[in-house]
Each structure stands twice: as C-alpha cells, then as structure tokens.
PDB file of N, CA and C in Angstrom:
ATOM      1  N   MET A   1       0.882  -1.210   0.156  1.00  0.00           N
ATOM      2  CA  MET A   1       0.030   0.067   0.250  1.00  0.00           C
ATOM      3  C   MET A   1       0.728   1.046  -0.084  1.00  0.00           C
ATOM      4  N   SER A   2       0.319   2.294  -0.408  1.00  0.00           N
ATOM      5  CA  SER A   2       1.140   3.643  -0.787  1.00  0.00           C
ATOM      6  C   SER A   2      -0.115   4.549  -0.220  1.00  0.00           C
ATOM      7  N   GLU A   3       0.589   5.768  -0.105  1.00  0.00           N
ATOM      8  CA  GLU A   3      -0.714   6.808   0.369  1.00  0.00           C
ATOM      9  C   GLU A   3      -0.170   7.948  -0.638  1.00  0.00           C
ATOM     10  N   TYR A   4      -1.410   8.204  -0.567  1.00  0.00           N
ATOM     11  CA  TYR A   4      -1.545   9.819  -1.675  1.00  0.00           C
ATOM     12  C   TYR A   4      -2.011  10.788  -0.753  1.00  0.00           C
ATOM     13  N   VAL A   5      -2.266  11.996  -1.126  1.00  0.00           N
ATOM     14  CA  VAL A   5      -3.108  13.117  -1.059  1.00  0.00           C
ATOM     15  C   VAL A   5      -3.972  12.778  -2.299  1.00  0.00           C
ATOM     16  N   ILE A   6      -5.070  12.652  -2.572  1.00  0.00           N
ATOM     17  CA  ILE A   6      -5.740  12.198  -4.063  1.00  0.00           C
ATOM     18  C   ILE A   6      -6.678  13.592  -3.897  1.00  0.00           C
ATOM     19  N   ARG A   7      -6.508  14.868  -4.771  1.00  0.00           N
ATOM     20  CA  ARG A   7      -7.668  15.844  -4.835  1.00  0.00           C
ATOM     21  C   ARG A   7      -8.872  15.258  -6.110  1.00  0.00           C
ATOM     22  N   TYR A   8      -9.851  15.362  -5.937  1.00  0.00           N
ATOM     23  CA  TYR A   8     -11.076  14.572  -7.132  1.00  0.00           C
ATOM     24  C   TYR A   8     -12.495  15.383  -6.406  1.00  0.00           C
ATOM     25  N   SER A   9     -13.045  15.092  -7.918  1.00  0.00           N
ATOM     26  CA  SER A   9     -14.720  15.708  -7.949  1.00  0.00           C
ATOM     27  C   SER A   9     -15.301  14.749  -8.144  1.00  0.00           C
ATOM     28  N   ILE A  10     -16.502  14.676  -7.426  1.00  0.00           N
ATOM     29  CA  ILE A  10     -17.660  13.443  -7.189  1.00  0.00           C
ATOM     30  C   ILE A  10     -18.658  13.938  -8.202  1.00  0.00           C
ATOM     31  N   ILE A  11     -18.877  13.196  -9.237  1.00  0.00           N
ATOM     32  CA  ILE A  11     -20.254  13.487 -10.073  1.00  0.00           C
ATOM     33  C   ILE A  11     -21.021  12.544  -9.394  1.00  0.00           C
ATOM     34  N   PRO A  12     -21.881  13.008  -9.133  1.00  0.00           N
ATOM     35  CA  PRO A  12     -23.518  12.682  -8.617  1.00  0.00           C
ATOM     36  C   PRO A  12     -24.020  11.418 -10.120  1.00  0.00           C
ATOM     37  N   PRO A  13     -24.658  10.690  -8.953  1.00  0.00           N
ATOM     38  CA  PRO A  13     -24.885   9.425  -9.626  1.00  0.00           C
ATOM     39  C   PRO A  13     -26.505   9.957 -10.931  1.00  0.00           C
ATOM     40  N   GLY A  14     -25.834   8.960 -12.172  1.00  0.00           N
ATOM     41  CA  GLY A  14     -27.203   9.572 -12.965  1.00  0.00           C
ATOM     42  C   GLY A  14     -26.911  10.799 -13.908  1.00  0.00           C
ATOM     43  N   LEU A  15     -25.794  11.816 -13.868  1.00  0.00           N
ATOM     44  CA  LEU A  15     -25.528  12.749 -14.593  1.00  0.00           C
ATOM     45  C   LEU A  15     -24.316  12.403 -15.627  1.00  0.00           C
ATOM     46  N   GLY A  16     -24.759  12.136 -17.099  1.00  0.00           N
ATOM     47  CA  GLY A  16     -23.971  12.576 -17.649  1.00  0.00           C
ATOM     48  C   GLY A  16     -22.649  13.386 -18.081  1.00  0.00           C
ATOM     49  N   PRO A  17     -21.346  13.331 -19.048  1.00  0.00           N
ATOM     50  CA  PRO A  17     -20.672  14.493 -19.065  1.00  0.00           C
ATOM     51  C   PRO A  17     -21.803  15.795 -19.528  1.00  0.00           C
ATOM     52  N   ASP A  18     -22.375  15.540 -19.993  1.00  0.00           N
ATOM     53  CA  ASP A  18     -23.230  16.874 -20.563  1.00  0.00           C
ATOM     54  C   ASP A  18     -23.971  17.758 -19.598  1.00  0.00           C
ATOM     55  N   ASP A  19     -24.017  16.801 -18.325  1.00  0.00           N
ATOM     56  CA  ASP A  19     -24.921  17.422 -17.564  1.00  0.00           C
ATOM     57  C   ASP A  19     -24.756  18.433 -16.499  1.00  0.00           C
ATOM     58  N   TYR A  20     -23.413  18.750 -16.603  1.00  0.00           N
ATOM     59  CA  TYR A  20     -22.410  19.394 -15.301  1.00  0.00           C
ATOM     60  C   TYR A  20     -22.029  20.311 -15.837  1.00  0.00           C
ATOM     61  N   GLU A  21     -21.174  21.316 -15.026  1.00  0.00           N
ATOM     62  CA  GLU A  21     -20.430  22.271 -15.219  1.00  0.00           C
ATOM     63  C   GLU A  21     -19.331  21.829 -14.728  1.00  0.00           C
ATOM     64  N   PRO A  22     -18.114  21.244 -14.684  1.00  0.00           N
ATOM     65  CA  PRO A  22     -16.609  20.624 -13.915  1.00  0.00           C
ATOM     66  C   PRO A  22     -16.611  21.293 -12.899  1.00  0.00           C
ATOM     67  N   ALA A  23     -16.198  22.656 -13.019  1.00  0.00           N
ATOM     68  CA  ALA A  23     -16.957  23.888 -11.769  1.00  0.00           C
ATOM     69  C   ALA A  23     -17.908  23.626 -10.356  1.00  0.00           C
ATOM     70  N   ASP A  24     -19.415  23.235 -11.023  1.00  0.00           N
ATOM     71  CA  ASP A  24     -20.377  23.528 -10.178  1.00  0.00           C
ATOM     72  C   ASP A  24     -19.857  21.539  -9.383  1.00  0.00           C
ATOM     73  N   LEU A  25     -19.098  21.153  -9.386  1.00  0.00           N
ATOM     74  CA  LEU A  25     -18.946  19.807  -8.591  1.00  0.00           C
ATOM     75  C   LEU A  25     -18.583  19.585  -7.155  1.00  0.00           C
ATOM     76  N   GLU A  26     -18.896  19.016  -6.265  1.00  0.00           N
ATOM     77  CA  GLU A  26     -18.267  18.800  -5.139  1.00  0.00           C
ATOM     78  C   GLU A  26     -16.860  17.910  -5.189  1.00  0.00           C
ATOM     79  N   GLN A  27     -15.716  18.845  -4.567  1.00  0.00           N
ATOM     80  CA  GLN A  27     -14.218  18.394  -4.812  1.00  0.00           C
ATOM     81  C   GLN A  27     -14.196  18.451  -3.394  1.00  0.00           C
ATOM     82  N   ARG A  28     -13.124  16.824  -2.996  1.00  0.00           N
ATOM     83  CA  ARG A  28     -12.775  16.443  -2.006  1.00  0.00           C
ATOM     84  C   ARG A  28     -11.176  16.144  -2.082  1.00  0.00           C
ATOM     85  N   GLU A  29     -10.179  16.436  -0.583  1.00  0.00           N
ATOM     86  CA  GLU A  29      -9.026  16.079  -1.282  1.00  0.00           C
ATOM     87  C   GLU A  29      -8.663  14.989  -0.137  1.00  0.00           C
ATOM     88  N   HIS A  30      -8.081  14.238   0.110  1.00  0.00           N
ATOM     89  CA  HIS A  30      -8.245  12.896   1.020  1.00  0.00           C
ATOM     90  C   HIS A  30      -6.540  12.445   0.851  1.00  0.00           C
ATOM     91  N   LEU A  31      -6.136  11.784   2.127  1.00  0.00           N
ATOM     92  CA  LEU A  31      -4.722  10.939   2.271  1.00  0.00           C
ATOM     93  C   LEU A  31      -5.703   9.673   2.068  1.00  0.00           C
ATOM     94  N   VAL A  32      -5.095   9.159   1.229  1.00  0.00           N
ATOM     95  CA  VAL A  32      -6.021   7.010   0.612  1.00  0.00           C
ATOM     96  C   VAL A  32      -4.807   7.044   0.473  1.00  0.00           C
ATOM     97  N   ASP A  33      -4.596   5.308   0.981  1.00  0.00           N
ATOM     98  CA  ASP A  33      -4.356   4.170   0.871  1.00  0.00           C
ATOM     99  C   ASP A  33      -4.520   3.357  -0.410  1.00  0.00           C
ATOM    100  N   VAL A  34      -3.450   3.139  -1.611  1.00  0.00           N
ATOM    101  CA  VAL A  34      -3.999   3.005  -2.647  1.00  0.00           C
ATOM    102  C   VAL A  34      -2.933   1.566  -3.098  1.00  0.00           C
ATOM    103  N   PRO A  35      -3.623   0.729  -3.321  1.00  0.00           N
ATOM    104  CA  PRO A  35      -2.232  -0.551  -3.524  1.00  0.00           C
ATOM    105  C   PRO A  35      -1.201  -0.588  -4.419  1.00  0.00           C
ATOM    106  N   GLY A  36      -0.035  -1.082  -3.582  1.00  0.00           N
ATOM    107  CA  GLY A  36       0.949  -0.780  -5.161  1.00  0.00           C
ATOM    108  C   GLY A  36       1.814   0.263  -4.672  1.00  0.00           C
ATOM    109  N   GLU A  37       2.981  -0.287  -4.969  1.00  0.00           N
ATOM    110  CA  GLU A  37       3.849   0.903  -4.602  1.00  0.00           C
ATOM    111  C   GLU A  37       4.022   1.965  -5.814  1.00  0.00           C
ATOM    112  N   GLN A  38       3.765   1.708  -6.923  1.00  0.00           N
ATOM    113  CA  GLN A  38       3.209   2.405  -8.428  1.00  0.00           C
ATOM    114  C   GLN A  38       2.234   2.782  -8.609  1.00  0.00           C
ATOM    115  N   PRO A  39       0.980   2.883  -7.912  1.00  0.00           N
ATOM    116  CA  PRO A  39      -0.177   2.266  -8.821  1.00  0.00           C
ATOM    117  C   PRO A  39      -0.391   3.193 -10.108  1.00  0.00           C
ATOM    118  N   SER A  40      -1.854   2.840 -10.979  1.00  0.00           N
ATOM    119  CA  SER A  40      -1.913   2.730 -12.102  1.00  0.00           C
ATOM    120  C   SER A  40      -2.575   3.894 -11.798  1.00  0.00           C
ATOM    121  N   VAL A  41      -2.753   5.123 -13.000  1.00  0.00           N
ATOM    122  CA  VAL A  41      -4.457   5.714 -12.552  1.00  0.00           C
ATOM    123  C   VAL A  41      -5.309   4.777 -12.807  1.00  0.00           C
ATOM    124  N   ALA A  42      -5.721   3.680 -13.597  1.00  0.00           N
ATOM    125  CA  ALA A  42      -6.826   3.238 -12.877  1.00  0.00           C
ATOM    126  C   ALA A  42      -7.300   2.635 -11.365  1.00  0.00           C
ATOM    127  N   THR A  43      -6.052   2.349 -10.669  1.00  0.00           N
ATOM    128  CA  THR A  43      -5.856   2.085  -9.319  1.00  0.00           C
ATOM    129  C   THR A  43      -6.410   2.889  -8.914  1.00  0.00           C
ATOM    130  N   ILE A  44      -6.179   3.792  -9.391  1.00  0.00           N
ATOM    131  CA  ILE A  44      -6.197   5.293  -7.882  1.00  0.00           C
ATOM    132  C   ILE A  44      -7.606   5.132  -7.915  1.00  0.00           C
ATOM    133  N   HIS A  45      -8.114   4.989  -9.453  1.00  0.00           N
ATOM    134  CA  HIS A  45      -9.682   5.886  -9.968  1.00  0.00           C
ATOM    135  C   HIS A  45     -10.635   4.654  -8.992  1.00  0.00           C
ATOM    136  N   SER A  46     -10.453   3.517  -9.351  1.00  0.00           N
ATOM    137  CA  SER A  46     -11.010   2.461  -8.159  1.00  0.00           C
ATOM    138  C   SER A  46     -10.975   2.524  -6.658  1.00  0.00           C
ATOM    139  N   THR A  47      -9.641   3.040  -6.554  1.00  0.00           N
ATOM    140  CA  THR A  47      -9.831   2.803  -5.096  1.00  0.00           C
ATOM    141  C   THR A  47     -10.575   3.868  -4.845  1.00  0.00           C
ATOM    142  N   VAL A  48     -10.370   5.119  -5.253  1.00  0.00           N
ATOM    143  CA  VAL A  48     -11.387   6.405  -4.453  1.00  0.00           C
ATOM    144  C   VAL A  48     -12.576   6.005  -4.688  1.00  0.00           C
ATOM    145  N   LYS A  49     -13.264   5.957  -5.979  1.00  0.00           N
ATOM    146  CA  LYS A  49     -14.554   5.687  -6.599  1.00  0.00           C
ATOM    147  C   LYS A  49     -15.193   4.491  -5.483  1.00  0.00           C
ATOM    148  N   ALA A  50     -14.023   3.179  -5.107  1.00  0.00           N
ATOM    149  CA  ALA A  50     -14.684   2.838  -3.856  1.00  0.00           C
ATOM    150  C   ALA A  50     -15.586   3.805  -2.456  1.00  0.00           C
ATOM    151  N   LEU A  51     -14.456   5.097  -2.372  1.00  0.00           N
ATOM    152  CA  LEU A  51     -14.950   5.482  -1.234  1.00  0.00           C
ATOM    153  C   LEU A  51     -16.573   6.108  -1.085  1.00  0.00           C
ATOM    154  N   LEU A  52     -17.232   6.052  -2.550  1.00  0.00           N
ATOM    155  CA  LEU A  52     -18.157   7.094  -2.828  1.00  0.00           C
ATOM    156  C   LEU A  52     -19.644   6.160  -2.547  1.00  0.00           C
ATOM    157  N   PRO A  53     -21.078   6.626  -2.643  1.00  0.00           N
ATOM    158  CA  PRO A  53     -21.756   5.459  -2.834  1.00  0.00           C
ATOM    159  C   PRO A  53     -21.789   5.407  -4.087  1.00  0.00           C
ATOM    160  N   PRO A  54     -22.822   4.344  -4.241  1.00  0.00           N
ATOM    161  CA  PRO A  54     -22.644   3.340  -5.156  1.00  0.00           C
ATOM    162  C   PRO A  54     -23.751   4.258  -6.890  1.00  0.00           C
ATOM    163  N   GLY A  55     -22.866   4.375  -8.271  1.00  0.00           N
ATOM    164  CA  GLY A  55     -23.505   5.012  -8.615  1.00  0.00           C
ATOM    165  C   GLY A  55     -22.684   6.089  -8.799  1.00  0.00           C
ATOM    166  N   SER A  56     -22.132   6.705  -8.137  1.00  0.00           N
ATOM    167  CA  SER A  56     -21.122   8.206  -8.041  1.00  0.00           C
ATOM    168  C   SER A  56     -19.731   8.069  -9.096  1.00  0.00           C
ATOM    169  N   GLY A  57     -19.459   8.915  -9.682  1.00  0.00           N
ATOM    170  CA  GLY A  57     -18.824   8.831 -11.053  1.00  0.00           C
ATOM    171  C   GLY A  57     -17.494   9.754  -9.570  1.00  0.00           C
ATOM    172  N   VAL A  58     -15.994   9.769 -10.518  1.00  0.00           N
ATOM    173  CA  VAL A  58     -15.201  10.037  -9.587  1.00  0.00           C
ATOM    174  C   VAL A  58     -14.406  11.122 -10.996  1.00  0.00           C
ATOM    175  N   ALA A  59     -13.639  12.155 -10.710  1.00  0.00           N
ATOM    176  CA  ALA A  59     -12.798  12.714 -11.717  1.00  0.00           C
ATOM    177  C   ALA A  59     -11.883  12.783 -10.688  1.00  0.00           C
ATOM    178  N   ILE A  60     -10.487  12.535 -11.450  1.00  0.00           N
ATOM    179  CA  ILE A  60      -9.428  12.849 -10.734  1.00  0.00           C
ATOM    180  C   ILE A  60      -8.527  14.126 -10.464  1.00  0.00           C
ATOM    181  N   LEU A  61      -8.593  14.811 -10.092  1.00  0.00           N
ATOM    182  CA  LEU A  61      -7.334  15.952 -10.525  1.00  0.00           C
ATOM    183  C   LEU A  61      -5.926  16.182 -10.272  1.00  0.00           C
ATOM    184  N   SER A  62      -6.063  15.385  -9.163  1.00  0.00           N
ATOM    185  CA  SER A  62      -4.897  15.942  -8.711  1.00  0.00           C
ATOM    186  C   SER A  62      -4.009  14.622  -7.714  1.00  0.00           C
ATOM    187  N   VAL A  63      -2.951  13.896  -8.028  1.00  0.00           N
ATOM    188  CA  VAL A  63      -2.285  13.096  -6.805  1.00  0.00           C
ATOM    189  C   VAL A  63      -0.730  13.151  -6.309  1.00  0.00           C
ATOM    190  N   ARG A  64      -0.700  13.620  -5.100  1.00  0.00           N
ATOM    191  CA  ARG A  64       0.846  13.548  -4.800  1.00  0.00           C
ATOM    192  C   ARG A  64       0.665  13.003  -3.344  1.00  0.00           C
ATOM    193  N   ASP A  65       2.193  13.171  -3.299  1.00  0.00           N
ATOM    194  CA  ASP A  65       3.287  11.867  -2.300  1.00  0.00           C
ATOM    195  C   ASP A  65       2.915  13.038  -0.717  1.00  0.00           C
ATOM    196  N   PRO A  66       2.152  12.631  -0.244  1.00  0.00           N
ATOM    197  CA  PRO A  66       2.068  13.797   1.267  1.00  0.00           C
ATOM    198  C   PRO A  66       3.501  14.085   1.724  1.00  0.00           C
ATOM    199  N   GLY A  67       3.986  13.685   1.866  1.00  0.00           N
ATOM    200  CA  GLY A  67       5.257  14.403   1.608  1.00  0.00           C
ATOM    201  C   GLY A  67       5.884  15.820   0.921  1.00  0.00           C
ATOM    202  N   GLU A  68       5.774  15.657  -0.020  1.00  0.00           N
ATOM    203  CA  GLU A  68       5.576  16.713  -0.974  1.00  0.00           C
ATOM    204  C   GLU A  68       4.116  18.177  -0.230  1.00  0.00           C
ATOM    205  N   GLY A  69       5.200  19.148  -0.550  1.00  0.00           N
ATOM    206  CA  GLY A  69       4.242  20.562   0.039  1.00  0.00           C
ATOM    207  C   GLY A  69       2.963  20.978  -1.061  1.00  0.00           C
TER     208      GLY A  69
END
C-alpha cells in the first residue's frame, strides 16, 4: 500500500458528461491508501470510487505524495 493525497471531484449518480459544469461539482481531498508501490491511474481511480456512494463517478484532479508540499 502507498499513501497519496488525492484531490477529486464527485460526479453524482445519473449525471452524464453534458449534465454538469466541472466547477459545479463537489471537490474533496483525502489521504488515501492505494494498493501497490507505483499504482496505475486505473487503480487510483477505482480506489477512490470505492469510497463514494454507489453509482457516483469520480474525476481525479491531482495525486501527490503526502511528503510534498
């Protein structure tokens, strides 16, 4: 497991890409344990998505090591 600070937007269930403006979405930033030493983008995406209510989508905005300022 590796810890990363991940900033992401939550896409509510039932919304398609034409149904919202990115600036209107709720954004969060969390310290997340991600499997693997150098996880792929797909692994990071699925790990964050698993934290959200069923049917929600996620847009990853940034990923950084917690030691970086």
